[in-house]
């Protein structure tokens, strides 16, 4: 079994993610190759909350250029986790 602290890389704090917090949905960058069940177990174990739903999004790599140098922004995997009503995470408090 994978370590739950390795599955969840970091919280994603964007404009859209902060709007979703009002609905009880939290966005994380997760390890590539994990499924919804593994993300659910990891969030429940790390943050001690009840997860109702998990949606996973694969973000493709994008070509980037700085001056004459070309490269790619790496691909990523996002998870939007819905918590049970009345529960919150302190990770997103600013």
PDB file of N, CA and C in Angstrom:
ATOM      1  N   UNK A   1       0.840  -1.189   0.000  1.00  0.00           N
ATOM      2  CA  UNK A   1       0.000   0.000   0.000  1.00  0.00           C
ATOM      3  C   UNK A   1       0.881   1.248   0.000  1.00  0.00           C
ATOM      4  N   UNK A   2       0.446   2.263  -0.713  1.00  0.00           N
ATOM      5  CA  UNK A   2       1.211   3.498  -0.825  1.00  0.00           C
ATOM      6  C   UNK A   2       1.026   4.353   0.428  1.00  0.00           C
ATOM      7  N   UNK A   3       2.054   5.111   0.745  1.00  0.00           N
ATOM      8  CA  UNK A   3       2.007   6.010   1.890  1.00  0.00           C
ATOM      9  C   UNK A   3       1.053   7.164   1.577  1.00  0.00           C
ATOM     10  N   UNK A   4       0.076   7.458   2.447  1.00  0.00           N
ATOM     11  CA  UNK A   4      -0.872   8.542   2.165  1.00  0.00           C
ATOM     12  C   UNK A   4      -0.207   9.909   2.021  1.00  0.00           C
ATOM     13  N   UNK A   5       0.920  10.097   2.698  1.00  0.00           N
ATOM     14  CA  UNK A   5       1.619  11.375   2.591  1.00  0.00           C
ATOM     15  C   UNK A   5       2.342  11.508   1.248  1.00  0.00           C
ATOM     16  N   UNK A   6       2.577  10.397   0.561  1.00  0.00           N
ATOM     17  CA  UNK A   6       3.166  10.440  -0.775  1.00  0.00           C
ATOM     18  C   UNK A   6       2.097  10.637  -1.844  1.00  0.00           C
ATOM     19  N   UNK A   7       0.888  10.150  -1.590  1.00  0.00           N
ATOM     20  CA  UNK A   7      -0.201  10.263  -2.565  1.00  0.00           C
ATOM     21  C   UNK A   7      -0.599  11.725  -2.753  1.00  0.00           C
ATOM     22  N   UNK A   8      -0.755  12.461  -1.652  1.00  0.00           N
ATOM     23  CA  UNK A   8      -1.139  13.869  -1.723  1.00  0.00           C
ATOM     24  C   UNK A   8       0.132  14.704  -1.789  1.00  0.00           C
ATOM     25  N   UNK A   9       0.358  15.355  -2.939  1.00  0.00           N
ATOM     26  CA  UNK A   9       1.571  16.165  -3.095  1.00  0.00           C
ATOM     27  C   UNK A   9       1.430  17.518  -2.409  1.00  0.00           C
ATOM     28  N   UNK A  10       0.364  18.253  -2.769  1.00  0.00           N
ATOM     29  CA  UNK A  10       0.174  19.588  -2.200  1.00  0.00           C
ATOM     30  C   UNK A  10      -1.241  20.055  -2.508  1.00  0.00           C
ATOM     31  N   UNK A  11      -1.762  20.993  -1.716  1.00  0.00           N
ATOM     32  CA  UNK A  11      -3.059  21.580  -2.060  1.00  0.00           C
ATOM     33  C   UNK A  11      -2.884  22.582  -3.200  1.00  0.00           C
ATOM     34  N   UNK A  12      -3.870  22.658  -4.063  1.00  0.00           N
ATOM     35  CA  UNK A  12      -3.845  23.636  -5.154  1.00  0.00           C
ATOM     36  C   UNK A  12      -4.719  24.816  -4.746  1.00  0.00           C
ATOM     37  N   UNK A  13      -4.110  25.984  -4.664  1.00  0.00           N
ATOM     38  CA  UNK A  13      -4.844  27.177  -4.262  1.00  0.00           C
ATOM     39  C   UNK A  13      -4.904  28.106  -5.468  1.00  0.00           C
ATOM     40  N   UNK A  14      -6.023  28.043  -6.164  1.00  0.00           N
ATOM     41  CA  UNK A  14      -6.272  28.889  -7.326  1.00  0.00           C
ATOM     42  C   UNK A  14      -7.596  29.613  -7.101  1.00  0.00           C
ATOM     43  N   UNK A  15      -7.948  30.479  -8.022  1.00  0.00           N
ATOM     44  CA  UNK A  15      -9.211  31.205  -7.899  1.00  0.00           C
ATOM     45  C   UNK A  15     -10.396  30.234  -7.901  1.00  0.00           C
ATOM     46  N   UNK A  16     -10.367  29.275  -8.798  1.00  0.00           N
ATOM     47  CA  UNK A  16     -11.453  28.304  -8.873  1.00  0.00           C
ATOM     48  C   UNK A  16     -11.488  27.431  -7.620  1.00  0.00           C
ATOM     49  N   UNK A  17     -10.321  27.022  -7.133  1.00  0.00           N
ATOM     50  CA  UNK A  17     -10.262  26.153  -5.955  1.00  0.00           C
ATOM     51  C   UNK A  17     -10.793  26.860  -4.716  1.00  0.00           C
ATOM     52  N   UNK A  18     -10.521  28.152  -4.576  1.00  0.00           N
ATOM     53  CA  UNK A  18     -11.026  28.871  -3.408  1.00  0.00           C
ATOM     54  C   UNK A  18     -12.539  29.051  -3.472  1.00  0.00           C
ATOM     55  N   UNK A  19     -13.100  29.143  -4.671  1.00  0.00           N
ATOM     56  CA  UNK A  19     -14.560  29.201  -4.800  1.00  0.00           C
ATOM     57  C   UNK A  19     -15.192  27.859  -4.435  1.00  0.00           C
ATOM     58  N   UNK A  20     -14.515  26.761  -4.771  1.00  0.00           N
ATOM     59  CA  UNK A  20     -15.045  25.437  -4.463  1.00  0.00           C
ATOM     60  C   UNK A  20     -15.017  25.131  -2.968  1.00  0.00           C
ATOM     61  N   UNK A  21     -14.151  25.806  -2.213  1.00  0.00           N
ATOM     62  CA  UNK A  21     -14.076  25.577  -0.766  1.00  0.00           C
ATOM     63  C   UNK A  21     -15.410  25.915  -0.108  1.00  0.00           C
ATOM     64  N   UNK A  22     -16.123  26.919  -0.622  1.00  0.00           N
ATOM     65  CA  UNK A  22     -17.430  27.285  -0.074  1.00  0.00           C
ATOM     66  C   UNK A  22     -18.444  26.157  -0.229  1.00  0.00           C
ATOM     67  N   UNK A  23     -18.244  25.288  -1.219  1.00  0.00           N
ATOM     68  CA  UNK A  23     -19.134  24.147  -1.448  1.00  0.00           C
ATOM     69  C   UNK A  23     -18.655  22.892  -0.732  1.00  0.00           C
ATOM     70  N   UNK A  24     -17.553  22.992   0.006  1.00  0.00           N
ATOM     71  CA  UNK A  24     -17.011  21.830   0.719  1.00  0.00           C
ATOM     72  C   UNK A  24     -16.131  20.955  -0.154  1.00  0.00           C
ATOM     73  N   UNK A  25     -15.591  21.536  -1.239  1.00  0.00           N
ATOM     74  CA  UNK A  25     -14.727  20.791  -2.156  1.00  0.00           C
ATOM     75  C   UNK A  25     -13.313  21.355  -2.074  1.00  0.00           C
ATOM     76  N   UNK A  26     -12.332  20.467  -1.974  1.00  0.00           N
ATOM     77  CA  UNK A  26     -10.935  20.859  -1.827  1.00  0.00           C
ATOM     78  C   UNK A  26     -10.116  20.220  -2.939  1.00  0.00           C
ATOM     79  N   UNK A  27      -9.155  20.973  -3.485  1.00  0.00           N
ATOM     80  CA  UNK A  27      -8.378  20.534  -4.636  1.00  0.00           C
ATOM     81  C   UNK A  27      -6.938  20.253  -4.228  1.00  0.00           C
ATOM     82  N   UNK A  28      -6.435  19.087  -4.653  1.00  0.00           N
ATOM     83  CA  UNK A  28      -5.068  18.682  -4.349  1.00  0.00           C
ATOM     84  C   UNK A  28      -4.375  18.211  -5.615  1.00  0.00           C
ATOM     85  N   UNK A  29      -3.059  18.387  -5.659  1.00  0.00           N
ATOM     86  CA  UNK A  29      -2.260  17.726  -6.683  1.00  0.00           C
ATOM     87  C   UNK A  29      -1.865  16.382  -6.101  1.00  0.00           C
ATOM     88  N   UNK A  30      -2.101  15.318  -6.864  1.00  0.00           N
ATOM     89  CA  UNK A  30      -1.833  13.972  -6.364  1.00  0.00           C
ATOM     90  C   UNK A  30      -0.816  13.271  -7.253  1.00  0.00           C
ATOM     91  N   UNK A  31      -0.321  12.164  -6.745  1.00  0.00           N
ATOM     92  CA  UNK A  31       0.678  11.368  -7.442  1.00  0.00           C
ATOM     93  C   UNK A  31       0.068  10.769  -8.716  1.00  0.00           C
ATOM     94  N   UNK A  32       0.804  10.727  -9.827  1.00  0.00           N
ATOM     95  CA  UNK A  32       0.260  10.104 -11.031  1.00  0.00           C
ATOM     96  C   UNK A  32       0.039   8.613 -10.806  1.00  0.00           C
ATOM     97  N   UNK A  33      -1.028   8.093 -11.362  1.00  0.00           N
ATOM     98  CA  UNK A  33      -1.274   6.662 -11.274  1.00  0.00           C
ATOM     99  C   UNK A  33      -2.129   6.226 -10.102  1.00  0.00           C
ATOM    100  N   UNK A  34      -2.542   7.150  -9.234  1.00  0.00           N
ATOM    101  CA  UNK A  34      -3.410   6.751  -8.124  1.00  0.00           C
ATOM    102  C   UNK A  34      -4.862   6.843  -8.567  1.00  0.00           C
ATOM    103  N   UNK A  35      -5.708   6.054  -7.925  1.00  0.00           N
ATOM    104  CA  UNK A  35      -7.123   6.078  -8.278  1.00  0.00           C
ATOM    105  C   UNK A  35      -7.934   6.782  -7.195  1.00  0.00           C
ATOM    106  N   UNK A  36      -9.242   6.882  -7.410  1.00  0.00           N
ATOM    107  CA  UNK A  36     -10.113   7.619  -6.500  1.00  0.00           C
ATOM    108  C   UNK A  36     -10.141   7.001  -5.106  1.00  0.00           C
ATOM    109  N   UNK A  37     -10.111   5.691  -5.032  1.00  0.00           N
ATOM    110  CA  UNK A  37     -10.168   5.009  -3.736  1.00  0.00           C
ATOM    111  C   UNK A  37      -8.922   5.322  -2.915  1.00  0.00           C
ATOM    112  N   UNK A  38      -7.758   5.313  -3.552  1.00  0.00           N
ATOM    113  CA  UNK A  38      -6.510   5.619  -2.849  1.00  0.00           C
ATOM    114  C   UNK A  38      -6.484   7.073  -2.375  1.00  0.00           C
ATOM    115  N   UNK A  39      -6.991   7.992  -3.197  1.00  0.00           N
ATOM    116  CA  UNK A  39      -7.042   9.400  -2.806  1.00  0.00           C
ATOM    117  C   UNK A  39      -7.989   9.573  -1.624  1.00  0.00           C
ATOM    118  N   UNK A  40      -9.136   8.921  -1.674  1.00  0.00           N
ATOM    119  CA  UNK A  40     -10.112   9.016  -0.582  1.00  0.00           C
ATOM    120  C   UNK A  40      -9.506   8.528   0.724  1.00  0.00           C
ATOM    121  N   UNK A  41      -8.873   7.368   0.710  1.00  0.00           N
ATOM    122  CA  UNK A  41      -8.263   6.820   1.928  1.00  0.00           C
ATOM    123  C   UNK A  41      -7.154   7.722   2.450  1.00  0.00           C
ATOM    124  N   UNK A  42      -6.359   8.288   1.540  1.00  0.00           N
ATOM    125  CA  UNK A  42      -5.249   9.154   1.950  1.00  0.00           C
ATOM    126  C   UNK A  42      -5.762  10.423   2.629  1.00  0.00           C
ATOM    127  N   UNK A  43      -6.768  11.068   2.039  1.00  0.00           N
ATOM    128  CA  UNK A  43      -7.311  12.302   2.620  1.00  0.00           C
ATOM    129  C   UNK A  43      -7.955  12.009   3.973  1.00  0.00           C
ATOM    130  N   UNK A  44      -8.691  10.906   4.062  1.00  0.00           N
ATOM    131  CA  UNK A  44      -9.330  10.553   5.333  1.00  0.00           C
ATOM    132  C   UNK A  44      -8.295  10.269   6.416  1.00  0.00           C
ATOM    133  N   UNK A  45      -7.199   9.624   6.055  1.00  0.00           N
ATOM    134  CA  UNK A  45      -6.175   9.283   7.044  1.00  0.00           C
ATOM    135  C   UNK A  45      -5.348  10.498   7.453  1.00  0.00           C
ATOM    136  N   UNK A  46      -4.973  11.331   6.498  1.00  0.00           N
ATOM    137  CA  UNK A  46      -4.103  12.468   6.795  1.00  0.00           C
ATOM    138  C   UNK A  46      -4.860  13.568   7.544  1.00  0.00           C
ATOM    139  N   UNK A  47      -6.081  13.893   7.096  1.00  0.00           N
ATOM    140  CA  UNK A  47      -6.809  15.032   7.655  1.00  0.00           C
ATOM    141  C   UNK A  47      -7.905  14.639   8.644  1.00  0.00           C
ATOM    142  N   UNK A  48      -8.174  13.351   8.821  1.00  0.00           N
ATOM    143  CA  UNK A  48      -9.184  12.861   9.775  1.00  0.00           C
ATOM    144  C   UNK A  48     -10.565  13.458   9.490  1.00  0.00           C
ATOM    145  N   UNK A  49     -11.001  13.353   8.229  1.00  0.00           N
ATOM    146  CA  UNK A  49     -12.313  13.830   7.800  1.00  0.00           C
ATOM    147  C   UNK A  49     -13.006  12.712   7.029  1.00  0.00           C
ATOM    148  N   UNK A  50     -14.295  12.895   6.742  1.00  0.00           N
ATOM    149  CA  UNK A  50     -15.052  11.928   5.949  1.00  0.00           C
ATOM    150  C   UNK A  50     -15.207  12.463   4.531  1.00  0.00           C
ATOM    151  N   UNK A  51     -14.771  11.670   3.554  1.00  0.00           N
ATOM    152  CA  UNK A  51     -14.835  12.060   2.146  1.00  0.00           C
ATOM    153  C   UNK A  51     -16.075  11.440   1.521  1.00  0.00           C
ATOM    154  N   UNK A  52     -16.857  12.276   0.831  1.00  0.00           N
ATOM    155  CA  UNK A  52     -18.079  11.817   0.175  1.00  0.00           C
ATOM    156  C   UNK A  52     -17.812  11.439  -1.277  1.00  0.00           C
ATOM    157  N   UNK A  53     -16.997  12.258  -1.981  1.00  0.00           N
ATOM    158  CA  UNK A  53     -16.787  12.047  -3.411  1.00  0.00           C
ATOM    159  C   UNK A  53     -15.384  12.517  -3.806  1.00  0.00           C
ATOM    160  N   UNK A  54     -14.828  11.877  -4.839  1.00  0.00           N
ATOM    161  CA  UNK A  54     -13.525  12.266  -5.381  1.00  0.00           C
ATOM    162  C   UNK A  54     -13.631  12.326  -6.903  1.00  0.00           C
ATOM    163  N   UNK A  55     -13.212  13.448  -7.476  1.00  0.00           N
ATOM    164  CA  UNK A  55     -13.112  13.590  -8.930  1.00  0.00           C
ATOM    165  C   UNK A  55     -11.647  13.789  -9.276  1.00  0.00           C
ATOM    166  N   UNK A  56     -11.181  13.092 -10.320  1.00  0.00           N
ATOM    167  CA  UNK A  56      -9.774  13.172 -10.712  1.00  0.00           C
ATOM    168  C   UNK A  56      -9.668  13.747 -12.120  1.00  0.00           C
ATOM    169  N   UNK A  57      -8.699  14.654 -12.299  1.00  0.00           N
ATOM    170  CA  UNK A  57      -8.479  15.319 -13.577  1.00  0.00           C
ATOM    171  C   UNK A  57      -7.015  15.158 -13.956  1.00  0.00           C
ATOM    172  N   UNK A  58      -6.759  14.745 -15.192  1.00  0.00           N
ATOM    173  CA  UNK A  58      -5.393  14.682 -15.707  1.00  0.00           C
ATOM    174  C   UNK A  58      -5.108  15.964 -16.479  1.00  0.00           C
ATOM    175  N   UNK A  59      -4.065  16.674 -16.074  1.00  0.00           N
ATOM    176  CA  UNK A  59      -3.667  17.910 -16.740  1.00  0.00           C
ATOM    177  C   UNK A  59      -2.497  17.574 -17.657  1.00  0.00           C
ATOM    178  N   UNK A  60      -2.658  17.830 -18.943  1.00  0.00           N
ATOM    179  CA  UNK A  60      -1.612  17.504 -19.917  1.00  0.00           C
ATOM    180  C   UNK A  60      -0.419  18.434 -19.775  1.00  0.00           C
ATOM    181  N   UNK A  61       0.726  17.968 -20.286  1.00  0.00           N
ATOM    182  CA  UNK A  61       1.907  18.833 -20.284  1.00  0.00           C
ATOM    183  C   UNK A  61       1.707  19.924 -21.327  1.00  0.00           C
ATOM    184  N   UNK A  62       2.309  21.087 -21.084  1.00  0.00           N
ATOM    185  CA  UNK A  62       2.185  22.208 -22.006  1.00  0.00           C
ATOM    186  C   UNK A  62       3.568  22.665 -22.434  1.00  0.00           C
ATOM    187  N   UNK A  63       3.658  23.055 -23.691  1.00  0.00           N
ATOM    188  CA  UNK A  63       4.928  23.564 -24.205  1.00  0.00           C
ATOM    189  C   UNK A  63       5.132  24.989 -23.698  1.00  0.00           C
ATOM    190  N   UNK A  64       6.298  25.250 -23.170  1.00  0.00           N
ATOM    191  CA  UNK A  64       6.648  26.570 -22.650  1.00  0.00           C
ATOM    192  C   UNK A  64       7.956  27.028 -23.270  1.00  0.00           C
ATOM    193  N   UNK A  65       8.123  28.357 -23.343  1.00  0.00           N
ATOM    194  CA  UNK A  65       9.347  28.893 -23.912  1.00  0.00           C
ATOM    195  C   UNK A  65       9.785  30.110 -23.106  1.00  0.00           C
ATOM    196  N   UNK A  66      11.073  30.159 -22.796  1.00  0.00           N
ATOM    197  CA  UNK A  66      11.667  31.321 -22.143  1.00  0.00           C
ATOM    198  C   UNK A  66      12.794  31.784 -23.055  1.00  0.00           C
ATOM    199  N   UNK A  67      12.540  32.867 -23.763  1.00  0.00           N
ATOM    200  CA  UNK A  67      13.529  33.333 -24.735  1.00  0.00           C
ATOM    201  C   UNK A  67      13.683  32.315 -25.848  1.00  0.00           C
ATOM    202  N   UNK A  68      14.900  31.873 -26.073  1.00  0.00           N
ATOM    203  CA  UNK A  68      15.138  30.893 -27.133  1.00  0.00           C
ATOM    204  C   UNK A  68      15.049  29.458 -26.625  1.00  0.00           C
ATOM    205  N   UNK A  69      14.874  29.275 -25.330  1.00  0.00           N
ATOM    206  CA  UNK A  69      14.842  27.935 -24.741  1.00  0.00           C
ATOM    207  C   UNK A  69      13.420  27.402 -24.691  1.00  0.00           C
ATOM    208  N   UNK A  70      13.248  26.204 -25.223  1.00  0.00           N
ATOM    209  CA  UNK A  70      11.938  25.575 -25.237  1.00  0.00           C
ATOM    210  C   UNK A  70      11.928  24.390 -24.294  1.00  0.00           C
ATOM    211  N   UNK A  71      10.773  24.140 -23.736  1.00  0.00           N
ATOM    212  CA  UNK A  71      10.627  23.001 -22.845  1.00  0.00           C
ATOM    213  C   UNK A  71       9.156  22.742 -22.592  1.00  0.00           C
ATOM    214  N   UNK A  72       8.879  21.949 -21.584  1.00  0.00           N
ATOM    215  CA  UNK A  72       7.512  21.593 -21.263  1.00  0.00           C
ATOM    216  C   UNK A  72       7.238  21.808 -19.786  1.00  0.00           C
ATOM    217  N   UNK A  73       6.027  22.254 -19.494  1.00  0.00           N
ATOM    218  CA  UNK A  73       5.548  22.228 -18.123  1.00  0.00           C
ATOM    219  C   UNK A  73       5.070  20.802 -17.899  1.00  0.00           C
ATOM    220  N   UNK A  74       5.458  20.157 -16.824  1.00  0.00           N
ATOM    221  CA  UNK A  74       5.139  18.740 -16.673  1.00  0.00           C
ATOM    222  C   UNK A  74       3.643  18.483 -16.518  1.00  0.00           C
ATOM    223  N   UNK A  75       3.237  17.284 -16.886  1.00  0.00           N
ATOM    224  CA  UNK A  75       1.856  16.864 -16.700  1.00  0.00           C
ATOM    225  C   UNK A  75       1.591  16.684 -15.209  1.00  0.00           C
ATOM    226  N   UNK A  76       0.329  16.788 -14.823  1.00  0.00           N
ATOM    227  CA  UNK A  76      -0.035  16.661 -13.412  1.00  0.00           C
ATOM    228  C   UNK A  76      -1.373  15.947 -13.301  1.00  0.00           C
ATOM    229  N   UNK A  77      -1.723  15.591 -12.086  1.00  0.00           N
ATOM    230  CA  UNK A  77      -2.998  14.932 -11.805  1.00  0.00           C
ATOM    231  C   UNK A  77      -3.626  15.648 -10.620  1.00  0.00           C
ATOM    232  N   UNK A  78      -4.859  16.135 -10.798  1.00  0.00           N
ATOM    233  CA  UNK A  78      -5.557  16.855  -9.738  1.00  0.00           C
ATOM    234  C   UNK A  78      -6.697  16.002  -9.209  1.00  0.00           C
ATOM    235  N   UNK A  79      -6.983  16.188  -7.927  1.00  0.00           N
ATOM    236  CA  UNK A  79      -8.124  15.521  -7.310  1.00  0.00           C
ATOM    237  C   UNK A  79      -8.971  16.572  -6.611  1.00  0.00           C
ATOM    238  N   UNK A  80     -10.271  16.580  -6.911  1.00  0.00           N
ATOM    239  CA  UNK A  80     -11.212  17.451  -6.215  1.00  0.00           C
ATOM    240  C   UNK A  80     -11.981  16.566  -5.247  1.00  0.00           C
ATOM    241  N   UNK A  81     -11.803  16.838  -3.954  1.00  0.00           N
ATOM    242  CA  UNK A  81     -12.345  15.993  -2.895  1.00  0.00           C
ATOM    243  C   UNK A  81     -13.514  16.718  -2.238  1.00  0.00           C
ATOM    244  N   UNK A  82     -14.680  16.061  -2.169  1.00  0.00           N
ATOM    245  CA  UNK A  82     -15.854  16.616  -1.513  1.00  0.00           C
ATOM    246  C   UNK A  82     -15.963  16.010  -0.120  1.00  0.00           C
ATOM    247  N   UNK A  83     -16.055  16.878   0.888  1.00  0.00           N
ATOM    248  CA  UNK A  83     -16.160  16.423   2.271  1.00  0.00           C
ATOM    249  C   UNK A  83     -17.614  16.379   2.712  1.00  0.00           C
ATOM    250  N   UNK A  84     -17.845  15.649   3.804  1.00  0.00           N
ATOM    251  CA  UNK A  84     -19.172  15.573   4.399  1.00  0.00           C
ATOM    252  C   UNK A  84     -19.566  16.959   4.901  1.00  0.00           C
ATOM    253  N   UNK A  85     -20.864  17.269   4.884  1.00  0.00           N
ATOM    254  CA  UNK A  85     -21.326  18.599   5.301  1.00  0.00           C
ATOM    255  C   UNK A  85     -20.874  18.901   6.719  1.00  0.00           C
ATOM    256  N   UNK A  86     -20.433  20.141   6.915  1.00  0.00           N
ATOM    257  CA  UNK A  86     -20.008  20.578   8.238  1.00  0.00           C
ATOM    258  C   UNK A  86     -18.534  20.365   8.530  1.00  0.00           C
ATOM    259  N   UNK A  87     -17.817  19.672   7.652  1.00  0.00           N
ATOM    260  CA  UNK A  87     -16.395  19.436   7.869  1.00  0.00           C
ATOM    261  C   UNK A  87     -15.574  20.374   6.987  1.00  0.00           C
ATOM    262  N   UNK A  88     -14.438  20.825   7.511  1.00  0.00           N
ATOM    263  CA  UNK A  88     -13.553  21.713   6.761  1.00  0.00           C
ATOM    264  C   UNK A  88     -12.110  21.270   6.951  1.00  0.00           C
ATOM    265  N   UNK A  89     -11.239  21.801   6.108  1.00  0.00           N
ATOM    266  CA  UNK A  89      -9.800  21.570   6.226  1.00  0.00           C
ATOM    267  C   UNK A  89      -9.124  22.902   6.512  1.00  0.00           C
ATOM    268  N   UNK A  90      -8.174  22.904   7.428  1.00  0.00           N
ATOM    269  CA  UNK A  90      -7.458  24.127   7.773  1.00  0.00           C
ATOM    270  C   UNK A  90      -6.352  24.447   6.776  1.00  0.00           C
ATOM    271  N   UNK A  91      -6.089  23.555   5.850  1.00  0.00           N
ATOM    272  CA  UNK A  91      -5.014  23.746   4.874  1.00  0.00           C
ATOM    273  C   UNK A  91      -5.273  24.978   4.018  1.00  0.00           C
ATOM    274  N   UNK A  92      -6.535  25.283   3.747  1.00  0.00           N
ATOM    275  CA  UNK A  92      -6.879  26.353   2.824  1.00  0.00           C
ATOM    276  C   UNK A  92      -7.153  27.677   3.520  1.00  0.00           C
ATOM    277  N   UNK A  93      -6.983  27.741   4.832  1.00  0.00           N
ATOM    278  CA  UNK A  93      -7.174  29.000   5.553  1.00  0.00           C
ATOM    279  C   UNK A  93      -5.956  29.880   5.334  1.00  0.00           C
ATOM    280  N   UNK A  94      -6.181  31.114   4.922  1.00  0.00           N
ATOM    281  CA  UNK A  94      -5.067  32.026   4.643  1.00  0.00           C
ATOM    282  C   UNK A  94      -5.027  33.114   5.692  1.00  0.00           C
TER     283      UNK A  94
END
